[in-house]
Amino acid sequence: MRWMPSLEEQVAAMSDAWPTLQVVEQDDRQVVWRGTLRPLVRAYEVQVLLRAPLVIETINAMKMQPEVRVTKPLLEPRDEDSEGPLPHVYWDHPEMPMLCLFDPAGDEWSPTDLIAETTVRWAVDWLACYEGWRATGKWAGGGRHASYR
């Protein structure tokens, strides 16, 4: 079994890989980063939340996954689009949905991963796909969208 990085190890890895993301909240169970990501054309302010999972949550990757949200500019849905109003998001918040970055059934992410090496890279890719989708109406990122919680 692989070790699960501590929150301190996650913070150190994030600081090294993504200096534009700064810790804005941290306690013994969670860390919140905020900062800028620029995939292609636009810069996006994002928030990344990582919680240390409770024992009961370790059986479900959906409950343990980091949450990435775009805080500025707000994502723009496209009504009546063939991909849906906004592809690959979880509408758990009316203005800032959580990005769907991996397929939990595909074992693509686990709490043993450093989110600087997985989640944030996937968020940059998601934002690039979003820019393409806004321009063309086609989602180039592929993937299978799973139900959240």
Foldseek 3Di string as FASTA:
>chain_A
DFDQDAVVVLQVLCCVQPVQWDWPDDDRFKTKTWGWDDQDPDIFIKIKMAGDDDPVCQVFVLSGDIWMWTDPPWQFFDPPQPCHRAHQFAPPDPTITTGRQADRVVPPDHSNDRCSVGVVVSVSVQVVQSVVCVVPSDRPPDDDHDHHD
